All heavy atoms as atom14 arrays in JSON, in Angstrom:
{
  "sequence": "TKVRKTVSQLSGKLKIYIQDVFRKAEINKASKIYE",
  "atom14_mask": [
    [1, 1, 1, 1, 1, 1, 1, 0, 0, 0, 0, 0, 0, 0],
    [1, 1, 1, 1, 1, 1, 1, 1, 1, 0, 0, 0, 0, 0],
    [1, 1, 1, 1, 1, 1, 1, 0, 0, 0, 0, 0, 0, 0],
    [1, 1, 1, 1, 1, 1, 1, 1, 1, 1, 1, 0, 0, 0],
    [1, 1, 1, 1, 1, 1, 1, 1, 1, 0, 0, 0, 0, 0],
    [1, 1, 1, 1, 1, 1, 1, 0, 0, 0, 0, 0, 0, 0],
    [1, 1, 1, 1, 1, 1, 1, 0, 0, 0, 0, 0, 0, 0],
    [1, 1, 1, 1, 1, 1, 0, 0, 0, 0, 0, 0, 0, 0],
    [1, 1, 1, 1, 1, 1, 1, 1, 1, 0, 0, 0, 0, 0],
    [1, 1, 1, 1, 1, 1, 1, 1, 0, 0, 0, 0, 0, 0],
    [1, 1, 1, 1, 1, 1, 0, 0, 0, 0, 0, 0, 0, 0],
    [1, 1, 1, 1, 0, 0, 0, 0, 0, 0, 0, 0, 0, 0],
    [1, 1, 1, 1, 1, 1, 1, 1, 1, 0, 0, 0, 0, 0],
    [1, 1, 1, 1, 1, 1, 1, 1, 0, 0, 0, 0, 0, 0],
    [1, 1, 1, 1, 1, 1, 1, 1, 1, 0, 0, 0, 0, 0],
    [1, 1, 1, 1, 1, 1, 1, 1, 0, 0, 0, 0, 0, 0],
    [1, 1, 1, 1, 1, 1, 1, 1, 1, 1, 1, 1, 0, 0],
    [1, 1, 1, 1, 1, 1, 1, 1, 0, 0, 0, 0, 0, 0],
    [1, 1, 1, 1, 1, 1, 1, 1, 1, 0, 0, 0, 0, 0],
    [1, 1, 1, 1, 1, 1, 1, 1, 0, 0, 0, 0, 0, 0],
    [1, 1, 1, 1, 1, 1, 1, 0, 0, 0, 0, 0, 0, 0],
    [1, 1, 1, 1, 1, 1, 1, 1, 1, 1, 1, 0, 0, 0],
    [1, 1, 1, 1, 1, 1, 1, 1, 1, 1, 1, 0, 0, 0],
    [1, 1, 1, 1, 1, 1, 1, 1, 1, 0, 0, 0, 0, 0],
    [1, 1, 1, 1, 1, 0, 0, 0, 0, 0, 0, 0, 0, 0],
    [1, 1, 1, 1, 1, 1, 1, 1, 1, 0, 0, 0, 0, 0],
    [1, 1, 1, 1, 1, 1, 1, 1, 0, 0, 0, 0, 0, 0],
    [1, 1, 1, 1, 1, 1, 1, 1, 0, 0, 0, 0, 0, 0],
    [1, 1, 1, 1, 1, 1, 1, 1, 1, 0, 0, 0, 0, 0],
    [1, 1, 1, 1, 1, 0, 0, 0, 0, 0, 0, 0, 0, 0],
    [1, 1, 1, 1, 1, 1, 0, 0, 0, 0, 0, 0, 0, 0],
    [1, 1, 1, 1, 1, 1, 1, 1, 1, 0, 0, 0, 0, 0],
    [1, 1, 1, 1, 1, 1, 1, 1, 0, 0, 0, 0, 0, 0],
    [1, 1, 1, 1, 1, 1, 1, 1, 1, 1, 1, 1, 0, 0],
    [1, 1, 1, 1, 1, 1, 1, 1, 1, 0, 0, 0, 0, 0]
  ],
  "atom14_positions": [
    [[-61.61, 28.33, 12.92], [-62.15, 28.0, 14.25], [-63.23, 26.93, 14.14], [-63.39, 26.1, 15.04], [-62.72, 29.27, 14.92], [-61.68, 30.25, 15.0], [-63.25, 28.98, 16.3], [0.0, 0.0, 0.0], [0.0, 0.0, 0.0], [0.0, 0.0, 0.0], [0.0, 0.0, 0.0], [0.0, 0.0, 0.0], [0.0, 0.0, 0.0], [0.0, 0.0, 0.0]],
    [[-63.93, 26.91, 13.02], [-65.0, 25.93, 12.78], [-64.44, 24.5, 12.85], [-65.13, 23.59, 13.33], [-65.63, 26.18, 11.42], [-66.77, 25.26, 11.06], [-67.32, 25.62, 9.68], [-68.34, 24.62, 9.21], [-68.81, 24.92, 7.84], [0.0, 0.0, 0.0], [0.0, 0.0, 0.0], [0.0, 0.0, 0.0], [0.0, 0.0, 0.0], [0.0, 0.0, 0.0]],
    [[-63.21, 24.31, 12.42], [-62.6, 22.98, 12.48], [-62.53, 22.53, 13.93], [-62.89, 21.39, 14.26], [-61.2, 22.98, 11.83], [-60.51, 21.65, 12.04], [-61.3, 23.3, 10.34], [0.0, 0.0, 0.0], [0.0, 0.0, 0.0], [0.0, 0.0, 0.0], [0.0, 0.0, 0.0], [0.0, 0.0, 0.0], [0.0, 0.0, 0.0], [0.0, 0.0, 0.0]],
    [[-62.07, 23.41, 14.82], [-61.98, 23.06, 16.23], [-63.35, 22.81, 16.84], [-63.51, 21.91, 17.66], [-61.27, 24.17, 17.01], [-59.82, 24.3, 16.72], [-59.13, 22.95, 16.91], [-57.76, 23.15, 17.19], [-57.16, 22.75, 18.28], [-57.81, 22.12, 19.22], [-55.89, 22.95, 18.45], [0.0, 0.0, 0.0], [0.0, 0.0, 0.0], [0.0, 0.0, 0.0]],
    [[-64.31, 23.61, 16.43], [-65.67, 23.42, 16.96], [-66.24, 22.08, 16.51], [-67.0, 21.45, 17.23], [-66.57, 24.57, 16.52], [-66.27, 25.86, 17.24], [-67.2, 26.97, 16.82], [-66.85, 28.26, 17.56], [-67.65, 29.39, 17.1], [0.0, 0.0, 0.0], [0.0, 0.0, 0.0], [0.0, 0.0, 0.0], [0.0, 0.0, 0.0], [0.0, 0.0, 0.0]],
    [[-65.86, 21.66, 15.32], [-66.32, 20.36, 14.81], [-65.84, 19.24, 15.73], [-66.59, 18.31, 16.02], [-65.8, 20.14, 13.37], [-66.32, 21.18, 12.55], [-66.23, 18.81, 12.82], [0.0, 0.0, 0.0], [0.0, 0.0, 0.0], [0.0, 0.0, 0.0], [0.0, 0.0, 0.0], [0.0, 0.0, 0.0], [0.0, 0.0, 0.0], [0.0, 0.0, 0.0]],
    [[-64.62, 19.35, 16.21], [-64.07, 18.34, 17.12], [-64.86, 18.35, 18.43], [-65.2, 17.29, 18.97], [-62.57, 18.58, 17.38], [-62.04, 17.62, 18.43], [-61.78, 18.45, 16.09], [0.0, 0.0, 0.0], [0.0, 0.0, 0.0], [0.0, 0.0, 0.0], [0.0, 0.0, 0.0], [0.0, 0.0, 0.0], [0.0, 0.0, 0.0], [0.0, 0.0, 0.0]],
    [[-65.18, 19.53, 18.93], [-65.88, 19.61, 20.21], [-67.31, 19.08, 20.12], [-67.91, 18.73, 21.13], [-65.89, 21.05, 20.74], [-66.65, 21.88, 19.9], [0.0, 0.0, 0.0], [0.0, 0.0, 0.0], [0.0, 0.0, 0.0], [0.0, 0.0, 0.0], [0.0, 0.0, 0.0], [0.0, 0.0, 0.0], [0.0, 0.0, 0.0], [0.0, 0.0, 0.0]],
    [[-67.86, 18.98, 18.91], [-69.21, 18.47, 18.73], [-69.27, 16.94, 18.67], [-70.34, 16.36, 18.71], [-69.83, 19.05, 17.45], [-70.06, 20.53, 17.54], [-70.45, 21.15, 16.21], [-70.46, 20.5, 15.19], [-70.74, 22.44, 16.24], [0.0, 0.0, 0.0], [0.0, 0.0, 0.0], [0.0, 0.0, 0.0], [0.0, 0.0, 0.0], [0.0, 0.0, 0.0]],
    [[-68.09, 16.32, 18.58], [-68.05, 14.86, 18.56], [-68.38, 14.32, 19.94], [-68.42, 15.06, 20.92], [-66.66, 14.38, 18.14], [-66.23, 14.68, 16.72], [-64.76, 14.36, 16.53], [-67.08, 13.89, 15.74], [0.0, 0.0, 0.0], [0.0, 0.0, 0.0], [0.0, 0.0, 0.0], [0.0, 0.0, 0.0], [0.0, 0.0, 0.0], [0.0, 0.0, 0.0]],
    [[-68.57, 13.02, 20.02], [-68.82, 12.4, 21.32], [-68.06, 11.08, 21.41], [-67.56, 10.55, 20.41], [-70.32, 12.17, 21.52], [-70.81, 11.28, 20.54], [0.0, 0.0, 0.0], [0.0, 0.0, 0.0], [0.0, 0.0, 0.0], [0.0, 0.0, 0.0], [0.0, 0.0, 0.0], [0.0, 0.0, 0.0], [0.0, 0.0, 0.0], [0.0, 0.0, 0.0]],
    [[-67.99, 10.57, 22.61], [-67.38, 9.27, 22.84], [-65.89, 9.22, 22.58], [-65.18, 10.21, 22.68], [0.0, 0.0, 0.0], [0.0, 0.0, 0.0], [0.0, 0.0, 0.0], [0.0, 0.0, 0.0], [0.0, 0.0, 0.0], [0.0, 0.0, 0.0], [0.0, 0.0, 0.0], [0.0, 0.0, 0.0], [0.0, 0.0, 0.0], [0.0, 0.0, 0.0]],
    [[-65.46, 8.02, 22.21], [-64.03, 7.78, 22.0], [-63.47, 8.59, 20.83], [-62.33, 9.05, 20.89], [-63.78, 6.29, 21.76], [-63.95, 5.45, 23.0], [-63.6, 4.0, 22.71], [-63.79, 3.17, 23.97], [-63.47, 1.77, 23.74], [0.0, 0.0, 0.0], [0.0, 0.0, 0.0], [0.0, 0.0, 0.0], [0.0, 0.0, 0.0], [0.0, 0.0, 0.0]],
    [[-64.25, 8.77, 19.77], [-63.76, 9.52, 18.63], [-63.38, 10.94, 19.04], [-62.33, 11.46, 18.64], [-64.8, 9.55, 17.51], [-64.37, 10.24, 16.21], [-63.16, 9.54, 15.6], [-65.52, 10.26, 15.21], [0.0, 0.0, 0.0], [0.0, 0.0, 0.0], [0.0, 0.0, 0.0], [0.0, 0.0, 0.0], [0.0, 0.0, 0.0], [0.0, 0.0, 0.0]],
    [[-64.2, 11.56, 19.88], [-63.89, 12.91, 20.36], [-62.58, 12.92, 21.14], [-61.72, 13.78, 20.92], [-65.03, 13.43, 21.24], [-64.78, 14.82, 21.79], [-65.95, 15.31, 22.62], [-65.72, 16.73, 23.09], [-66.92, 17.27, 23.78], [0.0, 0.0, 0.0], [0.0, 0.0, 0.0], [0.0, 0.0, 0.0], [0.0, 0.0, 0.0], [0.0, 0.0, 0.0]],
    [[-62.42, 11.98, 22.03], [-61.21, 11.91, 22.86], [-59.98, 11.69, 21.98], [-58.96, 12.37, 22.14], [-61.34, 10.78, 23.91], [-62.43, 11.14, 24.92], [-60.0, 10.53, 24.61], [-62.86, 9.99, 25.8], [0.0, 0.0, 0.0], [0.0, 0.0, 0.0], [0.0, 0.0, 0.0], [0.0, 0.0, 0.0], [0.0, 0.0, 0.0], [0.0, 0.0, 0.0]],
    [[-60.08, 10.77, 21.04], [-58.94, 10.47, 20.16], [-58.55, 11.68, 19.31], [-57.38, 12.01, 19.17], [-59.25, 9.28, 19.26], [-59.4, 7.96, 19.98], [-60.23, 6.97, 19.48], [-58.72, 7.69, 21.16], [-60.37, 5.74, 20.13], [-58.86, 6.48, 21.81], [-59.69, 5.51, 21.3], [-59.83, 4.31, 21.93], [0.0, 0.0, 0.0], [0.0, 0.0, 0.0]],
    [[-59.55, 12.32, 18.73], [-59.26, 13.44, 17.83], [-58.77, 14.67, 18.61], [-57.88, 15.37, 18.16], [-60.46, 13.74, 16.91], [-60.62, 12.56, 15.93], [-60.29, 15.05, 16.17], [-61.74, 12.66, 14.95], [0.0, 0.0, 0.0], [0.0, 0.0, 0.0], [0.0, 0.0, 0.0], [0.0, 0.0, 0.0], [0.0, 0.0, 0.0], [0.0, 0.0, 0.0]],
    [[-59.32, 14.89, 19.79], [-58.79, 15.97, 20.64], [-57.32, 15.72, 20.98], [-56.51, 16.65, 20.96], [-59.6, 16.09, 21.94], [-60.92, 16.78, 21.77], [-61.74, 16.82, 23.05], [-61.63, 15.94, 23.9], [-62.56, 17.85, 23.18], [0.0, 0.0, 0.0], [0.0, 0.0, 0.0], [0.0, 0.0, 0.0], [0.0, 0.0, 0.0], [0.0, 0.0, 0.0]],
    [[-57.0, 14.47, 21.25], [-55.61, 14.11, 21.55], [-54.71, 14.35, 20.34], [-53.6, 14.86, 20.48], [-55.53, 12.64, 21.99], [-54.15, 12.25, 22.46], [-53.59, 12.93, 23.35], [-53.61, 11.25, 21.94], [0.0, 0.0, 0.0], [0.0, 0.0, 0.0], [0.0, 0.0, 0.0], [0.0, 0.0, 0.0], [0.0, 0.0, 0.0], [0.0, 0.0, 0.0]],
    [[-55.19, 14.02, 19.16], [-54.42, 14.25, 17.94], [-54.14, 15.74, 17.76], [-53.01, 16.15, 17.48], [-55.14, 13.67, 16.69], [-54.5, 14.18, 15.41], [-55.13, 12.15, 16.72], [0.0, 0.0, 0.0], [0.0, 0.0, 0.0], [0.0, 0.0, 0.0], [0.0, 0.0, 0.0], [0.0, 0.0, 0.0], [0.0, 0.0, 0.0], [0.0, 0.0, 0.0]],
    [[-55.16, 16.57, 17.95], [-54.98, 18.01, 17.8], [-54.01, 18.55, 18.84], [-53.17, 19.41, 18.52], [-56.32, 18.75, 17.87], [-56.98, 18.92, 16.53], [-57.81, 17.94, 16.02], [-56.75, 20.06, 15.78], [-58.42, 18.09, 14.78], [-57.35, 20.22, 14.53], [-58.19, 19.24, 14.03], [0.0, 0.0, 0.0], [0.0, 0.0, 0.0], [0.0, 0.0, 0.0]],
    [[-54.09, 18.09, 20.06], [-53.18, 18.58, 21.11], [-51.74, 18.2, 20.78], [-50.83, 19.02, 20.9], [-53.59, 18.0, 22.48], [-52.82, 18.58, 23.61], [-53.13, 20.05, 23.73], [-52.36, 20.65, 24.8], [-52.19, 21.93, 24.93], [-52.75, 22.76, 24.08], [-51.49, 22.41, 25.91], [0.0, 0.0, 0.0], [0.0, 0.0, 0.0], [0.0, 0.0, 0.0]],
    [[-51.54, 16.96, 20.38], [-50.18, 16.53, 20.02], [-49.67, 17.27, 18.79], [-48.48, 17.56, 18.68], [-50.14, 15.02, 19.82], [-50.26, 14.28, 21.14], [-50.27, 12.78, 20.97], [-50.38, 12.09, 22.32], [-50.52, 10.64, 22.2], [0.0, 0.0, 0.0], [0.0, 0.0, 0.0], [0.0, 0.0, 0.0], [0.0, 0.0, 0.0], [0.0, 0.0, 0.0]],
    [[-50.56, 17.58, 17.86], [-50.18, 18.34, 16.67], [-49.72, 19.75, 17.06], [-48.75, 20.27, 16.51], [-51.33, 18.41, 15.68], [0.0, 0.0, 0.0], [0.0, 0.0, 0.0], [0.0, 0.0, 0.0], [0.0, 0.0, 0.0], [0.0, 0.0, 0.0], [0.0, 0.0, 0.0], [0.0, 0.0, 0.0], [0.0, 0.0, 0.0], [0.0, 0.0, 0.0]],
    [[-50.42, 20.36, 18.0], [-50.01, 21.69, 18.48], [-48.61, 21.64, 19.07], [-47.78, 22.51, 18.79], [-50.99, 22.21, 19.53], [-52.33, 22.62, 18.96], [-53.37, 22.91, 20.03], [-53.22, 22.42, 21.18], [-54.33, 23.62, 19.72], [0.0, 0.0, 0.0], [0.0, 0.0, 0.0], [0.0, 0.0, 0.0], [0.0, 0.0, 0.0], [0.0, 0.0, 0.0]],
    [[-48.35, 20.62, 19.86], [-47.03, 20.49, 20.48], [-45.97, 20.22, 19.42], [-44.88, 20.8, 19.44], [-47.05, 19.4, 21.57], [-48.01, 19.8, 22.7], [-45.66, 19.14, 22.11], [-48.36, 18.69, 23.66], [0.0, 0.0, 0.0], [0.0, 0.0, 0.0], [0.0, 0.0, 0.0], [0.0, 0.0, 0.0], [0.0, 0.0, 0.0], [0.0, 0.0, 0.0]],
    [[-46.29, 19.36, 18.46], [-45.35, 19.04, 17.38], [-45.01, 20.29, 16.59], [-43.84, 20.57, 16.3], [-45.95, 17.97, 16.47], [-45.1, 17.67, 15.27], [-45.07, 18.45, 14.31], [-44.4, 16.55, 15.3], [0.0, 0.0, 0.0], [0.0, 0.0, 0.0], [0.0, 0.0, 0.0], [0.0, 0.0, 0.0], [0.0, 0.0, 0.0], [0.0, 0.0, 0.0]],
    [[-46.01, 21.05, 16.21], [-45.78, 22.26, 15.41], [-45.07, 23.33, 16.23], [-44.26, 24.09, 15.7], [-47.08, 22.79, 14.8], [-47.65, 21.85, 13.76], [-46.63, 21.59, 12.65], [-46.92, 20.37, 11.85], [-45.86, 20.02, 10.93], [0.0, 0.0, 0.0], [0.0, 0.0, 0.0], [0.0, 0.0, 0.0], [0.0, 0.0, 0.0], [0.0, 0.0, 0.0]],
    [[-45.37, 23.39, 17.51], [-44.64, 24.32, 18.38], [-43.16, 23.97, 18.39], [-42.29, 24.86, 18.31], [-45.2, 24.26, 19.81], [0.0, 0.0, 0.0], [0.0, 0.0, 0.0], [0.0, 0.0, 0.0], [0.0, 0.0, 0.0], [0.0, 0.0, 0.0], [0.0, 0.0, 0.0], [0.0, 0.0, 0.0], [0.0, 0.0, 0.0], [0.0, 0.0, 0.0]],
    [[-42.86, 22.7, 18.44], [-41.46, 22.26, 18.41], [-40.79, 22.67, 17.1], [-39.64, 23.12, 17.09], [-41.41, 20.74, 18.59], [-40.09, 20.27, 18.44], [0.0, 0.0, 0.0], [0.0, 0.0, 0.0], [0.0, 0.0, 0.0], [0.0, 0.0, 0.0], [0.0, 0.0, 0.0], [0.0, 0.0, 0.0], [0.0, 0.0, 0.0], [0.0, 0.0, 0.0]],
    [[-41.51, 22.52, 15.99], [-40.96, 22.9, 14.69], [-40.69, 24.41, 14.62], [-39.68, 24.84, 14.08], [-41.91, 22.51, 13.55], [-42.16, 21.03, 13.44], [-41.03, 20.35, 12.77], [-41.41, 18.89, 12.52], [-40.28, 18.08, 12.2], [0.0, 0.0, 0.0], [0.0, 0.0, 0.0], [0.0, 0.0, 0.0], [0.0, 0.0, 0.0], [0.0, 0.0, 0.0]],
    [[-41.61, 25.19, 15.15], [-41.42, 26.65, 15.15], [-40.25, 27.02, 16.06], [-39.43, 27.87, 15.72], [-42.72, 27.36, 15.56], [-43.77, 27.2, 14.45], [-42.48, 28.84, 15.86], [-45.15, 27.7, 14.8], [0.0, 0.0, 0.0], [0.0, 0.0, 0.0], [0.0, 0.0, 0.0], [0.0, 0.0, 0.0], [0.0, 0.0, 0.0], [0.0, 0.0, 0.0]],
    [[-40.16, 26.36, 17.19], [-39.04, 26.58, 18.11], [-37.7, 26.28, 17.43], [-36.72, 27.0, 17.58], [-39.23, 25.72, 19.37], [-38.06, 25.74, 20.31], [-37.68, 26.9, 20.97], [-37.34, 24.58, 20.56], [-36.61, 26.91, 21.84], [-36.26, 24.58, 21.42], [-35.9, 25.75, 22.07], [-34.84, 25.75, 22.93], [0.0, 0.0, 0.0], [0.0, 0.0, 0.0]],
    [[-37.67, 25.23, 16.61], [-36.46, 24.88, 15.87], [-36.06, 25.98, 14.89], [-34.91, 26.08, 14.5], [-36.66, 23.57, 15.09], [-36.69, 22.35, 15.95], [-37.04, 21.08, 15.17], [-37.13, 21.14, 13.91], [-37.25, 20.05, 15.81], [0.0, 0.0, 0.0], [0.0, 0.0, 0.0], [0.0, 0.0, 0.0], [0.0, 0.0, 0.0], [0.0, 0.0, 0.0]]
  ]
}
């Protein structure tokens, strides 16, 4: 959980970009599990 909290502590564009990466990773891995 600390990894996720680290992302939430970021600011500016880096926070937005990395949050987007994590969200897309969740969707990607969900697709793999669904397969």
